[in-house]
Amino acid sequence: MLMRALRDWLAGPGARLEFRPVADFTPSLHGPAGLYVHVPFCRSLCPYCPYLRQRYQPQLVAPYLAAVGRELRWYAERLPGLRATSVYFGGGTPTVLDDALPGFVDQLRSTFAPSGPFCIETTPADLSESKIRVLEQAGFESVSLGVQSFDPATLRRIGRDYPPAATERALDRLGRSAIGSLNVDLMFAVPGQTAESWQTDIERAAAGPATQITAYPLFTFPYSAAGRAVALRRLHMPSLAMRRRQYFQLYDTLTRSGFRRVSVWSFSRTPQAHSFSSVTRQRYLGFGPGAGTCTGPAFTFNTFSLREYERATADRGHAVALAMDLTPRLQVLQDVYWRLYETRVPLERHAEGLDYRLEEIPRLWPLLAASERLGLCRRTGEDLELSRQGSFWLHWLQNYLALPAVNTLWTASQAQAWPGAVAI
């Protein structure tokens, strides 16, 4: 309740934190935007995964790609001056699209002419030599490999049914490929995970070809398979002490090994490489079932039903189910949050050109000043930079501000293809 009160106080009067059903939607966007494509198919379904996905069946691919193609064209017609930047394929496991992927990437390029890198997620079990050749052919510059752990016991606990040797083979193949940016995802705060096994995971990831390492604590959402299995009544978080201890293990080991922090959870080995992340774009368009879009004035989500997504794009070109209007203050707060997530926020003006000054939200200043006094952040030139402690506590704050809202919204969206109003 305290975190919700803080959020509402910062948002200010008139901010309605509620997604409402969409009768008619017209996108309005100024400035550049990233593109996100949600591929909801997986060959196996991990019980802890909170993301929208279903078991892969080959016959589902063509109707899905046709629907995404319709959605791409609908947005392109209404945003003819769009400057598209990076492209991120998430899921699910996007590489299950196999040989259909290069053709779809060509369609996306011809529709939006994105100027930034193409990035894609995959898993060790889905990354063969032939799959890497498909990615190279399609022009992907970045791959994020969902390693999660090199420990057999930890892999079994999170529902991964392949041995660590499969991960080593995938890393070796990617290291020898023409794909220049490799992010390795790890998972910590897993039940039964020890400090020793976590240290081994970090060191093995750092010893490989990864240009970036990203680590997330285990979250158990009530609507996930694991959440339903234990009949959770509320969002269950890992132990705070365990998360803090293992986060500092990650932070200290990687910074000593020559990695630099590029977000709260991500560390880069190569300064010139782009940071691999799906979430810190100032503006983005999301395509596919369950995908979100943030245009600035509005935040929207597509229907979470694959069948309804395909039907809606055929009927009206888009599949937006819910939308929330963002006041100018909410837009600034959202952007400040993501810049802090990247561990550095300009105190005067956003680097990408969003025209605001933090003085426009005076309620932020007492919090920023208190954070400085507590050693959670420090001023570096015209920026405010999170400290080691501050990075962890921002991660903790996200748990209690953002994740409960995600849980509320996604629970409603998975229960009904076209839900009613959802207050977050």
Protein backbone atom coordinates (compact mmCIF):
# COMPACT_ATOMS: atom_id res chain seq x y z
CA MET A 1 0.00 0.00 0.00
CA LEU A 2 2.87 2.38 0.80
CA MET A 3 4.44 1.82 -2.63
CA ARG A 4 1.11 2.40 -4.34
CA ALA A 5 0.62 5.62 -2.39
CA LEU A 6 4.10 6.80 -3.42
CA ARG A 7 3.36 6.05 -7.05
CA ASP A 8 0.03 7.89 -6.97
CA TRP A 9 1.62 10.87 -5.18
CA LEU A 10 4.31 11.17 -7.86
CA ALA A 11 1.77 10.80 -10.67
CA GLY A 12 -0.18 13.76 -9.29
CA PRO A 13 -3.87 14.67 -9.47
CA GLY A 14 -5.71 13.78 -12.65
CA ALA A 15 -3.51 10.79 -13.48
CA ARG A 16 -5.80 7.83 -14.05
CA LEU A 17 -3.77 4.64 -13.74
CA GLU A 18 -6.25 2.44 -15.53
CA PHE A 19 -6.29 0.56 -18.81
CA ARG A 20 -9.63 0.82 -20.56
CA PRO A 21 -11.14 -1.15 -23.45
CA VAL A 22 -10.47 0.37 -26.86
CA ALA A 23 -13.39 1.14 -29.17
CA ASP A 24 -11.36 3.04 -31.75
CA PHE A 25 -7.61 3.58 -31.76
CA THR A 26 -5.51 6.02 -33.77
CA PRO A 27 -1.76 6.01 -32.99
CA SER A 28 0.02 9.33 -32.52
CA LEU A 29 3.79 9.34 -32.29
CA HIS A 30 6.47 12.02 -32.48
CA GLY A 31 10.14 11.12 -32.71
CA PRO A 32 11.92 7.78 -33.12
CA ALA A 33 10.60 4.47 -31.83
CA GLY A 34 11.91 0.96 -31.32
CA LEU A 35 10.02 -2.00 -32.74
CA TYR A 36 9.14 -5.12 -30.75
CA VAL A 37 7.78 -8.34 -32.28
CA HIS A 38 6.26 -10.90 -29.91
CA VAL A 39 6.51 -14.51 -31.08
CA PRO A 40 4.36 -16.55 -28.66
CA PHE A 41 5.64 -20.03 -29.53
CA CYS A 42 7.91 -22.35 -27.52
CA ARG A 43 8.82 -25.98 -28.02
CA SER A 44 8.57 -26.49 -24.25
CA LEU A 45 6.84 -24.33 -21.65
CA CYS A 46 8.93 -23.42 -18.59
CA PRO A 47 6.68 -23.29 -15.51
CA TYR A 48 8.11 -20.04 -14.11
CA CYS A 49 7.92 -18.03 -17.34
CA PRO A 50 5.40 -15.18 -17.00
CA TYR A 51 5.34 -14.21 -20.68
CA LEU A 52 2.58 -14.94 -23.17
CA ARG A 53 3.43 -18.17 -24.98
CA GLN A 54 1.99 -21.46 -26.14
CA ARG A 55 3.39 -24.72 -27.38
CA TYR A 56 4.83 -24.50 -30.89
CA GLN A 57 2.90 -26.16 -33.71
CA PRO A 58 4.15 -25.70 -37.30
CA GLN A 59 0.67 -24.99 -38.66
CA LEU A 60 0.34 -21.92 -36.40
CA VAL A 61 3.25 -20.04 -37.97
CA ALA A 62 1.78 -18.94 -41.32
CA PRO A 63 -1.48 -17.47 -39.89
CA TYR A 64 0.50 -15.72 -37.16
CA LEU A 65 2.98 -14.15 -39.60
CA ALA A 66 0.14 -13.06 -41.90
CA ALA A 67 -1.54 -11.33 -38.95
CA VAL A 68 1.67 -9.55 -37.89
CA GLY A 69 2.15 -8.46 -41.50
CA ARG A 70 -1.31 -6.86 -41.48
CA GLU A 71 -0.51 -5.08 -38.22
CA LEU A 72 2.79 -3.78 -39.59
CA ARG A 73 1.05 -2.31 -42.63
CA TRP A 74 -1.72 -0.75 -40.52
CA TYR A 75 0.77 1.15 -38.34
CA ALA A 76 2.93 2.11 -41.32
CA GLU A 77 -0.06 3.69 -43.08
CA ARG A 78 -0.94 5.76 -40.00
CA LEU A 79 2.61 6.71 -39.05
CA PRO A 80 4.19 7.47 -42.45
CA GLY A 81 6.99 9.58 -40.96
CA LEU A 82 8.03 7.03 -38.35
CA ARG A 83 11.77 6.82 -37.69
CA ALA A 84 12.18 3.21 -36.60
CA THR A 85 15.30 2.40 -34.59
CA SER A 86 16.18 -0.99 -33.12
CA VAL A 87 14.14 -4.16 -33.67
CA TYR A 88 13.70 -6.76 -30.93
CA PHE A 89 12.15 -10.21 -31.42
CA GLY A 90 10.98 -11.61 -28.07
CA GLY A 91 8.75 -14.41 -26.92
CA GLY A 92 8.31 -17.20 -26.56
CA THR A 93 11.22 -18.49 -28.59
CA PRO A 94 11.32 -16.47 -31.83
CA THR A 95 13.84 -18.79 -33.49
CA VAL A 96 11.14 -21.49 -33.80
CA LEU A 97 10.01 -19.53 -36.88
CA ASP A 98 12.94 -21.25 -38.64
CA ASP A 99 13.14 -20.64 -42.40
CA ALA A 100 10.15 -18.25 -42.31
CA LEU A 101 12.22 -15.74 -40.33
CA PRO A 102 14.33 -14.17 -43.13
CA GLY A 103 11.28 -13.44 -45.29
CA PHE A 104 9.44 -11.82 -42.41
CA VAL A 105 12.50 -9.73 -41.52
CA ASP A 106 12.66 -8.55 -45.14
CA GLN A 107 9.00 -7.52 -44.90
CA LEU A 108 9.66 -5.59 -41.71
CA ARG A 109 12.67 -3.84 -43.25
CA SER A 110 10.72 -2.82 -46.35
CA THR A 111 7.81 -1.54 -44.23
CA PHE A 112 9.71 0.57 -41.68
CA ALA A 113 13.38 0.76 -42.81
CA PRO A 114 14.71 0.55 -39.23
CA SER A 115 18.10 2.16 -38.69
CA GLY A 116 19.25 0.23 -35.61
CA PRO A 117 20.29 -3.33 -34.81
CA PHE A 118 18.09 -6.40 -35.16
CA CYS A 119 18.02 -8.46 -31.93
CA ILE A 120 16.45 -11.83 -31.16
CA GLU A 121 15.97 -14.14 -28.17
CA THR A 122 16.55 -17.88 -28.23
CA THR A 123 17.42 -20.82 -26.00
CA PRO A 124 20.29 -23.34 -26.06
CA ALA A 125 17.88 -26.12 -27.01
CA ASP A 126 16.71 -24.24 -30.12
CA LEU A 127 20.06 -23.10 -31.52
CA SER A 128 21.55 -25.44 -34.09
CA GLU A 129 24.24 -24.59 -36.65
CA SER A 130 21.55 -24.27 -39.33
CA LYS A 131 19.52 -21.92 -37.10
CA ILE A 132 22.54 -19.64 -36.68
CA ARG A 133 22.94 -19.53 -40.47
CA VAL A 134 19.29 -18.44 -40.72
CA LEU A 135 19.94 -15.64 -38.22
CA GLU A 136 23.03 -14.53 -40.13
CA GLN A 137 21.10 -14.61 -43.41
CA ALA A 138 18.32 -12.50 -41.88
CA GLY A 139 20.85 -9.89 -40.71
CA PHE A 140 20.54 -10.20 -36.94
CA GLU A 141 23.35 -8.33 -35.20
CA SER A 142 22.44 -9.46 -31.67
CA VAL A 143 21.32 -12.67 -30.02
CA SER A 144 20.18 -13.07 -26.42
CA LEU A 145 20.67 -16.65 -25.21
CA GLY A 146 18.48 -17.75 -22.31
CA VAL A 147 21.14 -19.74 -20.48
CA GLN A 148 19.65 -19.18 -16.97
CA SER A 149 22.13 -21.59 -15.36
CA PHE A 150 24.96 -24.02 -16.04
CA ASP A 151 23.95 -26.12 -13.02
CA PRO A 152 21.89 -29.27 -13.83
CA ALA A 153 19.90 -29.10 -10.59
CA THR A 154 18.95 -25.44 -11.14
CA LEU A 155 17.96 -26.16 -14.74
CA ARG A 156 15.63 -28.94 -13.57
CA ARG A 157 14.03 -26.65 -10.98
CA ILE A 158 13.11 -24.07 -13.62
CA GLY A 159 11.81 -26.64 -16.09
CA ARG A 160 14.73 -26.76 -18.55
CA ASP A 161 15.06 -30.30 -19.91
CA TYR A 162 18.48 -30.07 -21.56
CA PRO A 163 21.97 -30.58 -20.07
CA PRO A 164 24.56 -27.80 -19.57
CA ALA A 165 26.51 -29.29 -22.48
CA ALA A 166 23.78 -27.97 -24.82
CA THR A 167 24.47 -24.48 -23.53
CA GLU A 168 28.20 -24.83 -24.08
CA ARG A 169 27.59 -25.97 -27.67
CA ALA A 170 25.27 -23.02 -28.32
CA LEU A 171 27.79 -20.55 -26.90
CA ASP A 172 30.60 -22.04 -28.95
CA ARG A 173 28.51 -21.83 -32.14
CA LEU A 174 27.56 -18.21 -31.47
CA GLY A 175 31.16 -17.31 -30.63
CA ARG A 176 32.26 -18.58 -34.05
CA SER A 177 29.40 -16.89 -35.93
CA ALA A 178 29.22 -13.51 -37.65
CA ILE A 179 26.81 -12.25 -34.98
CA GLY A 180 28.80 -9.61 -33.13
CA SER A 181 26.69 -9.03 -30.00
CA LEU A 182 25.79 -11.86 -27.63
CA ASN A 183 23.80 -11.37 -24.45
CA VAL A 184 23.66 -14.24 -21.94
CA ASP A 185 20.68 -14.34 -19.57
CA LEU A 186 21.18 -15.82 -16.10
CA MET A 187 18.66 -16.40 -13.31
CA PHE A 188 19.30 -16.01 -9.58
CA ALA A 189 17.37 -16.31 -6.32
CA VAL A 190 16.15 -19.72 -7.46
CA PRO A 191 15.04 -22.10 -4.65
CA GLY A 192 17.91 -24.43 -3.81
CA GLN A 193 20.51 -22.29 -5.58
CA THR A 194 23.64 -21.86 -3.46
CA ALA A 195 26.17 -19.05 -3.37
CA GLU A 196 28.72 -21.50 -4.82
CA SER A 197 26.54 -22.62 -7.75
CA TRP A 198 25.59 -19.00 -8.51
CA GLN A 199 29.25 -17.96 -8.47
CA THR A 200 30.04 -20.76 -10.91
CA ASP A 201 27.22 -19.59 -13.21
CA ILE A 202 28.57 -16.02 -13.26
CA GLU A 203 32.16 -17.11 -13.89
CA ARG A 204 31.25 -19.57 -16.64
CA ALA A 205 29.17 -16.92 -18.40
CA ALA A 206 32.00 -14.39 -18.13
CA ALA A 207 34.55 -16.90 -19.46
CA GLY A 208 32.57 -17.43 -22.69
CA PRO A 209 32.01 -15.26 -25.77
CA ALA A 210 29.24 -13.10 -24.23
CA THR A 211 29.56 -9.37 -24.89
CA GLN A 212 26.85 -8.72 -22.28
CA ILE A 213 25.51 -10.62 -19.27
CA THR A 214 22.03 -9.95 -17.88
CA ALA A 215 20.74 -11.55 -14.69
CA TYR A 216 17.20 -11.57 -13.32
CA PRO A 217 15.87 -12.86 -10.01
CA LEU A 218 13.23 -15.55 -10.18
CA PHE A 219 9.70 -14.11 -10.11
CA THR A 220 6.69 -16.34 -9.53
CA PHE A 221 3.55 -14.74 -10.94
CA PRO A 222 0.19 -16.16 -9.77
CA TYR A 223 -0.96 -16.73 -13.36
CA SER A 224 2.17 -18.70 -14.36
CA ALA A 225 2.16 -22.49 -14.25
CA ALA A 226 4.29 -22.46 -11.10
CA GLY A 227 2.05 -19.87 -9.50
CA ARG A 228 -1.09 -21.90 -10.18
CA ALA A 229 0.61 -25.02 -8.85
CA VAL A 230 1.16 -23.50 -5.40
CA ALA A 231 -2.13 -21.60 -5.44
CA LEU A 232 -0.55 -18.22 -4.80
CA ARG A 233 -2.94 -15.52 -3.64
CA ARG A 234 -0.49 -12.67 -4.16
CA LEU A 235 2.76 -11.95 -5.93
CA HIS A 236 5.49 -14.05 -4.36
CA MET A 237 8.99 -12.60 -4.36
CA PRO A 238 12.28 -14.32 -3.60
CA SER A 239 13.90 -13.59 -0.24
CA LEU A 240 15.17 -10.00 -0.05
CA ALA A 241 18.36 -11.07 1.71
CA MET A 242 19.03 -13.76 -0.89
CA ARG A 243 18.40 -11.41 -3.81
CA ARG A 244 20.65 -8.74 -2.29
CA ARG A 245 23.50 -11.15 -1.57
CA GLN A 246 23.39 -12.76 -5.00
CA TYR A 247 22.97 -9.44 -6.80
CA PHE A 248 26.15 -8.12 -5.20
CA GLN A 249 27.91 -11.36 -6.15
CA LEU A 250 26.95 -10.64 -9.75
CA TYR A 251 27.89 -6.96 -9.58
CA ASP A 252 31.26 -7.47 -7.92
CA THR A 253 32.36 -10.47 -9.98
CA LEU A 254 31.55 -8.87 -13.33
CA THR A 255 32.95 -5.41 -12.59
CA ARG A 256 36.19 -7.04 -11.38
CA SER A 257 36.25 -9.04 -14.62
CA GLY A 258 36.19 -5.93 -16.82
CA PHE A 259 32.47 -5.65 -17.46
CA ARG A 260 30.75 -2.27 -17.08
CA ARG A 261 27.22 -1.76 -15.82
CA VAL A 262 24.79 -0.70 -18.57
CA SER A 263 21.53 -1.24 -16.66
CA VAL A 264 20.44 -2.42 -13.24
CA TRP A 265 20.67 -6.04 -14.37
CA SER A 266 23.03 -5.88 -17.38
CA PHE A 267 26.81 -5.68 -17.70
CA SER A 268 28.72 -5.17 -20.96
CA ARG A 269 32.21 -6.41 -21.79
CA THR A 270 32.57 -4.37 -25.00
CA PRO A 271 32.18 -0.59 -24.61
CA GLN A 272 31.49 0.00 -28.30
CA ALA A 273 28.76 -2.67 -28.51
CA HIS A 274 25.16 -1.57 -28.24
CA SER A 275 23.32 -2.43 -25.04
CA PHE A 276 20.94 -5.33 -25.52
CA SER A 277 17.57 -4.61 -23.90
CA SER A 278 13.92 -4.87 -24.87
CA VAL A 279 12.46 -2.46 -22.33
CA THR A 280 14.30 0.84 -22.08
CA ARG A 281 13.16 2.49 -25.29
CA GLN A 282 11.58 5.89 -24.84
CA ARG A 283 8.94 5.03 -27.46
CA TYR A 284 8.19 1.67 -29.04
CA LEU A 285 5.63 -0.12 -31.17
CA GLY A 286 4.74 -3.69 -30.27
CA PHE A 287 3.46 -6.27 -32.77
CA GLY A 288 1.94 -9.66 -32.06
CA PRO A 289 -0.48 -11.00 -29.42
CA GLY A 290 0.04 -9.47 -25.98
CA ALA A 291 2.54 -6.90 -27.26
CA GLY A 292 2.62 -3.45 -25.67
CA THR A 293 3.05 -0.11 -27.41
CA CYS A 294 4.11 3.19 -25.86
CA THR A 295 3.61 6.19 -28.17
CA GLY A 296 4.01 8.85 -25.47
CA PRO A 297 0.42 10.04 -25.12
CA ALA A 298 -0.84 6.47 -24.78
CA PHE A 299 0.22 3.04 -23.56
CA THR A 300 -1.61 0.12 -25.20
CA PHE A 301 -1.71 -3.68 -25.16
CA ASN A 302 -2.88 -6.08 -27.84
CA THR A 303 -5.24 -8.91 -27.05
CA PHE A 304 -3.47 -11.88 -25.47
CA SER A 305 -5.44 -14.40 -27.55
CA LEU A 306 -3.64 -15.61 -30.67
CA ARG A 307 -6.91 -16.49 -32.39
CA GLU A 308 -8.49 -13.12 -31.55
CA TYR A 309 -5.29 -11.33 -32.59
CA GLU A 310 -5.48 -12.94 -36.02
CA ARG A 311 -9.20 -12.17 -36.34
CA ALA A 312 -8.84 -8.54 -35.21
CA THR A 313 -5.97 -7.73 -37.57
CA ALA A 314 -8.04 -9.18 -40.44
CA ASP A 315 -11.12 -7.14 -39.45
CA ARG A 316 -9.58 -3.77 -38.52
CA GLY A 317 -5.82 -3.96 -39.06
CA HIS A 318 -4.83 -3.80 -35.37
CA ALA A 319 -5.55 -5.84 -32.24
CA VAL A 320 -5.36 -3.22 -29.45
CA ALA A 321 -7.49 -4.38 -26.52
CA LEU A 322 -6.58 -1.93 -23.73
CA ALA A 323 -5.21 1.61 -23.61
CA MET A 324 -4.15 4.05 -20.89
CA ASP A 325 -3.73 7.77 -21.52
CA LEU A 326 -0.45 9.17 -20.18
CA THR A 327 -0.44 12.69 -18.82
CA PRO A 328 2.67 14.78 -19.54
CA ARG A 329 3.82 14.12 -15.96
CA LEU A 330 3.37 10.36 -16.35
CA GLN A 331 5.38 10.46 -19.58
CA VAL A 332 8.25 12.19 -17.80
CA LEU A 333 8.07 9.86 -14.80
CA GLN A 334 8.13 6.81 -17.04
CA ASP A 335 11.13 8.10 -18.92
CA VAL A 336 13.00 9.02 -15.71
CA TYR A 337 12.31 5.52 -14.38
CA TRP A 338 13.80 3.84 -17.47
CA ARG A 339 16.79 6.14 -17.47
CA LEU A 340 17.37 5.23 -13.82
CA TYR A 341 16.99 1.58 -14.86
CA GLU A 342 19.91 2.26 -17.18
CA THR A 343 21.57 3.66 -13.98
CA ARG A 344 22.00 7.22 -15.28
CA VAL A 345 19.47 10.02 -15.82
CA PRO A 346 20.21 13.51 -17.21
CA LEU A 347 19.20 16.18 -14.72
CA GLU A 348 18.41 18.76 -17.40
CA ARG A 349 17.18 17.20 -20.61
CA HIS A 350 16.80 13.69 -21.98
CA ALA A 351 19.65 12.70 -24.29
CA GLU A 352 17.26 11.56 -27.04
CA GLY A 353 15.60 14.98 -27.13
CA LEU A 354 12.45 14.68 -25.01
CA ASP A 355 11.76 18.29 -24.12
CA TYR A 356 11.39 18.40 -20.36
CA ARG A 357 13.18 19.50 -17.24
CA LEU A 358 12.97 17.66 -13.95
CA GLU A 359 12.03 20.96 -12.32
CA GLU A 360 8.61 20.41 -13.89
CA ILE A 361 8.02 17.63 -11.33
CA PRO A 362 9.04 19.23 -8.03
CA ARG A 363 7.95 16.15 -6.06
CA LEU A 364 10.91 14.24 -7.48
CA TRP A 365 13.53 16.52 -5.95
CA PRO A 366 13.12 15.55 -2.26
CA LEU A 367 13.39 11.88 -3.28
CA LEU A 368 16.50 12.49 -5.38
CA ALA A 369 18.11 14.56 -2.63
CA ALA A 370 17.38 11.86 -0.03
CA SER A 371 18.80 9.23 -2.39
CA GLU A 372 22.04 11.20 -2.66
CA ARG A 373 22.33 11.54 1.11
CA LEU A 374 21.79 7.79 1.53
CA GLY A 375 24.51 7.01 -1.01
CA LEU A 376 22.10 5.47 -3.51
CA CYS A 377 23.16 7.84 -6.29
CA ARG A 378 25.70 10.53 -7.06
CA ARG A 379 26.01 13.45 -9.45
CA THR A 380 28.45 13.00 -12.31
CA GLY A 381 28.53 16.17 -14.36
CA GLU A 382 24.97 16.87 -15.48
CA ASP A 383 23.79 13.31 -14.77
CA LEU A 384 22.56 11.45 -11.72
CA GLU A 385 24.15 7.99 -11.53
CA LEU A 386 23.06 5.07 -9.36
CA SER A 387 25.62 3.61 -6.97
CA ARG A 388 26.12 -0.12 -6.39
CA GLN A 389 23.61 0.01 -3.52
CA GLY A 390 21.26 2.20 -5.56
CA SER A 391 21.17 -0.32 -8.40
CA PHE A 392 19.97 -3.03 -6.07
CA TRP A 393 17.36 -0.89 -4.37
CA LEU A 394 15.95 0.29 -7.70
CA HIS A 395 15.58 -3.38 -8.59
CA TRP A 396 13.75 -3.85 -5.28
CA LEU A 397 11.53 -0.83 -5.98
CA GLN A 398 10.60 -2.27 -9.36
CA ASN A 399 9.32 -5.38 -7.60
CA TYR A 400 6.82 -3.38 -5.59
CA LEU A 401 5.87 -0.67 -8.10
CA ALA A 402 5.95 -2.29 -11.53
CA LEU A 403 5.54 -6.05 -11.12
CA PRO A 404 2.24 -5.99 -9.20
CA ALA A 405 0.81 -3.78 -11.96
CA VAL A 406 2.10 -6.22 -14.59
CA ASN A 407 0.55 -9.09 -12.66
CA THR A 408 -2.85 -7.37 -12.45
CA LEU A 409 -2.89 -6.44 -16.13
CA TRP A 410 -1.65 -9.77 -17.47
CA THR A 411 -3.94 -11.81 -15.23
CA ALA A 412 -6.97 -9.94 -16.58
CA SER A 413 -5.70 -10.13 -20.17
CA GLN A 414 -5.11 -13.87 -20.04
CA ALA A 415 -8.51 -14.49 -18.46
CA GLN A 416 -10.38 -12.64 -21.24
CA ALA A 417 -9.36 -11.86 -24.81
CA TRP A 418 -11.06 -8.46 -24.60
CA PRO A 419 -11.07 -7.54 -20.88
CA GLY A 420 -12.92 -4.68 -19.24
CA ALA A 421 -11.21 -1.80 -17.45
CA VAL A 422 -8.13 -2.81 -15.44
CA ALA A 423 -6.94 -0.46 -12.68
CA ILE A 424 -3.26 -0.84 -11.85
